[in-house]
Protein backbone atom coordinates (compact mmCIF):
# COMPACT_ATOMS: atom_id res chain seq x y z
CA MET A 1 16.67 -2.57 -22.28
CA THR A 2 16.19 -4.01 -18.73
CA GLY A 3 13.08 -4.81 -16.79
CA PRO A 4 10.47 -2.84 -14.96
CA VAL A 5 11.54 -0.21 -12.40
CA ASN A 6 10.53 -0.60 -8.84
CA MET A 7 8.74 2.33 -7.94
CA ASN A 8 8.56 1.25 -3.85
CA GLY A 9 12.18 1.77 -2.34
CA PRO A 10 14.54 2.12 -1.81
CA VAL A 11 13.19 3.85 1.31
CA LYS A 12 12.16 0.47 3.89
CA ARG A 13 8.40 0.64 4.06
CA PRO A 14 6.59 -0.67 6.81
CA VAL A 15 2.67 -1.94 6.74
CA SER A 16 0.43 -0.03 7.78
CA ARG A 17 -2.03 -0.65 11.49
CA LYS A 18 -4.66 -1.76 8.71
CA GLY A 19 -2.68 -4.06 7.57
CA LEU A 20 -0.70 -5.26 10.65
CA ASP A 21 -4.37 -5.44 11.90
CA LEU A 22 -5.85 -7.68 9.36
CA ILE A 23 -2.93 -10.11 9.38
CA LYS A 24 -2.98 -10.52 13.30
CA LYS A 25 -6.90 -11.31 13.12
CA TYR A 26 -6.12 -13.95 10.33
CA GLU A 27 -3.07 -15.62 11.67
CA GLY A 28 -4.29 -15.59 15.20
CA LEU A 29 -2.17 -15.93 18.05
CA SER A 30 -0.99 -18.92 19.33
CA LEU A 31 1.38 -19.13 22.34
CA LYS A 32 1.92 -23.05 21.72
CA ALA A 33 3.07 -24.58 18.29
CA TYR A 34 0.61 -26.35 16.66
CA ARG A 35 -0.30 -27.23 12.72
CA CYS A 36 -1.96 -25.08 10.43
CA PRO A 37 -4.57 -26.32 7.82
CA ALA A 38 -2.17 -26.84 5.46
CA GLY A 39 -0.01 -28.97 8.03
CA VAL A 40 2.69 -26.48 8.85
CA LEU A 41 3.83 -26.25 12.43
CA THR A 42 3.27 -22.71 13.46
CA ILE A 43 3.25 -20.40 16.49
CA GLY A 44 2.75 -16.74 17.67
CA TYR A 45 0.95 -15.00 14.49
CA GLY A 46 1.59 -17.34 11.56
CA HIS A 47 5.48 -18.09 12.46
CA THR A 48 6.55 -21.07 10.78
CA SER A 49 10.64 -21.18 10.57
CA SER A 50 12.23 -23.30 13.30
CA VAL A 51 9.27 -24.62 15.04
CA ALA A 52 9.23 -27.90 16.67
CA GLU A 53 6.34 -29.98 18.19
CA GLY A 54 5.88 -28.73 22.06
CA ASP A 55 7.29 -25.17 21.40
CA ALA A 56 6.01 -21.74 23.43
CA ILE A 57 6.25 -18.41 23.22
CA THR A 58 5.37 -15.05 25.26
CA GLU A 59 2.73 -12.55 23.59
CA GLU A 60 5.94 -9.97 23.33
CA GLN A 61 7.88 -12.90 21.57
CA ALA A 62 5.14 -13.46 19.12
CA GLU A 63 5.01 -9.76 18.73
CA LYS A 64 8.97 -9.62 17.76
CA LEU A 65 8.41 -12.44 15.36
CA LEU A 66 5.66 -11.05 13.72
CA ARG A 67 7.67 -7.86 13.18
CA ALA A 68 10.99 -9.60 12.23
CA ASP A 69 8.63 -12.21 9.52
CA LEU A 70 6.83 -9.31 7.94
CA ARG A 71 10.06 -7.09 7.38
CA ALA A 72 10.64 -10.04 4.55
CA ALA A 73 7.14 -9.78 3.34
CA GLU A 74 7.33 -5.98 3.20
CA ASP A 75 10.78 -5.75 1.59
CA GLY A 76 9.39 -8.91 -0.88
CA VAL A 77 6.30 -6.63 -2.05
CA GLN A 78 9.05 -3.58 -2.55
CA ARG A 79 11.21 -5.66 -4.61
CA LEU A 80 8.57 -7.09 -6.81
CA VAL A 81 5.99 -4.27 -7.49
CA CYS A 82 6.97 -2.21 -10.29
CA VAL A 83 4.37 0.45 -10.05
CA ALA A 84 3.36 2.83 -7.19
CA LEU A 85 1.24 1.18 -4.45
CA SER A 86 -1.04 3.29 -1.81
CA ASP A 87 -0.53 1.98 1.73
CA ASN A 88 -3.64 0.12 1.88
CA GLN A 89 -2.53 -1.42 -1.57
CA PHE A 90 0.87 -2.24 0.22
CA ALA A 91 -0.71 -3.79 3.12
CA ALA A 92 -2.92 -5.99 1.36
CA LEU A 93 -0.43 -7.37 -0.68
CA VAL A 94 2.04 -7.86 2.65
CA SER A 95 -0.94 -9.53 4.18
CA PHE A 96 -1.19 -11.63 1.07
CA ALA A 97 2.80 -12.56 0.51
CA PHE A 98 2.65 -12.95 4.51
CA ASN A 99 0.02 -15.91 3.84
CA VAL A 100 0.97 -17.30 0.75
CA GLY A 101 4.79 -16.92 0.50
CA LEU A 102 7.07 -14.41 -1.56
CA GLY A 103 7.53 -17.31 -4.06
CA ALA A 104 4.16 -17.83 -5.12
CA LEU A 105 3.38 -14.18 -5.36
CA SER A 106 6.42 -13.73 -7.48
CA ARG A 107 4.82 -16.20 -9.98
CA SER A 108 1.34 -14.97 -10.10
CA THR A 109 -0.79 -13.63 -12.35
CA LEU A 110 -1.79 -10.93 -9.89
CA LEU A 111 1.80 -9.89 -9.53
CA SER A 112 2.16 -9.29 -13.64
CA LEU A 113 -1.16 -7.64 -14.01
CA LEU A 114 -0.48 -5.33 -11.28
CA ASN A 115 3.34 -4.60 -12.66
CA ARG A 116 1.24 -3.64 -16.24
CA GLY A 117 -0.61 -1.50 -14.39
CA TRP A 118 -4.17 -3.36 -13.87
CA TYR A 119 -4.55 -1.91 -10.52
CA ASP A 120 -8.51 -2.86 -10.95
CA GLN A 121 -7.69 -6.69 -11.54
CA VAL A 122 -6.04 -7.12 -7.95
CA PRO A 123 -9.01 -7.90 -6.07
CA ALA A 124 -10.14 -10.29 -8.28
CA GLN A 125 -6.92 -12.29 -8.50
CA LEU A 126 -6.90 -12.07 -4.31
CA LEU A 127 -9.92 -13.97 -4.17
CA ARG A 128 -8.79 -16.95 -6.38
CA TRP A 129 -6.37 -17.53 -3.48
CA THR A 130 -8.16 -19.44 -1.13
CA ARG A 131 -7.02 -23.23 -1.25
CA ALA A 132 -4.96 -25.05 1.11
CA GLY A 133 -4.05 -28.43 0.87
CA GLY A 134 -6.15 -28.98 -2.18
CA ARG A 135 -9.29 -27.52 -0.75
CA VAL A 136 -11.14 -24.27 -0.53
CA LEU A 137 -11.22 -23.00 3.28
CA ALA A 138 -13.83 -20.37 4.17
CA GLY A 139 -10.84 -18.49 6.46
CA LEU A 140 -8.86 -18.04 3.29
CA GLN A 141 -12.26 -16.80 1.72
CA ARG A 142 -12.76 -14.12 4.49
CA ARG A 143 -9.03 -13.10 4.31
CA ARG A 144 -8.90 -12.71 0.58
CA ARG A 145 -12.22 -10.63 0.70
CA ASP A 146 -10.79 -8.45 3.62
CA GLU A 147 -7.35 -7.86 1.59
CA ALA A 148 -9.43 -6.98 -1.41
CA ALA A 149 -11.25 -4.58 0.42
CA LEU A 150 -8.26 -3.09 2.07
CA TRP A 151 -6.78 -3.06 -1.35
CA SER A 152 -9.74 -0.88 -2.61
CA MET A 153 -10.21 1.38 0.42
CA PRO A 154 -9.39 5.06 -0.57
CA GLU A 155 -6.80 6.67 1.79
CA ILE A 156 -7.83 8.83 4.82
CA ARG A 157 -7.72 12.65 3.34
CA GLY A 158 -4.42 13.95 4.68
CA GLN A 159 -2.71 10.74 4.59
CA LYS A 160 0.43 9.90 2.67
CA SER A 161 -1.16 7.64 0.00
CA GLU A 162 1.90 6.59 -1.99
CA ILE A 163 5.33 6.41 -2.69
CA ARG A 164 5.80 8.69 -5.44
CA ASN A 165 7.49 8.01 -8.57
CA ARG A 166 10.90 8.91 -8.84
CA ASP A 167 10.89 10.71 -11.86
CA GLU A 168 7.96 12.64 -10.56
CA ASP A 169 10.73 13.84 -7.93
CA ASN A 170 12.62 15.28 -10.89
CA ALA A 171 9.64 16.88 -12.88
């Protein structure tokens, strides 16, 4: 017997506007390189790859970096999550994965419970991830509360609410 089947792919699924706005809000925009509270060199909207002291970018470059960085988080969430997600649930997990990393998500109790179908456990699990550098950060507490709220937010009527299970399409 094989492992769980991913119900969120193979179609590339971009994060919703609500998710993008949440990520931008908490990552903030910095056009000059700085060290985040965890001590990592960062630029733009939370971009950390190949950043050097003294780097500077434009707002347009920051937006492009964010979109490119989010693709990895979007693809990772699609690959790791084996149950259907609403757009808001997907956006909340992309924000979380973008912040803590896909490795942390892949090893998390949050993912294990979600893949068992325990959707109701996700908000509480999100709220556990509030530490950086060994200490609780108020900004991470606020972000996790907003991610949990987005996770629990009902979809707007008429909006595509989830990627369907492939078996439902064949019924």
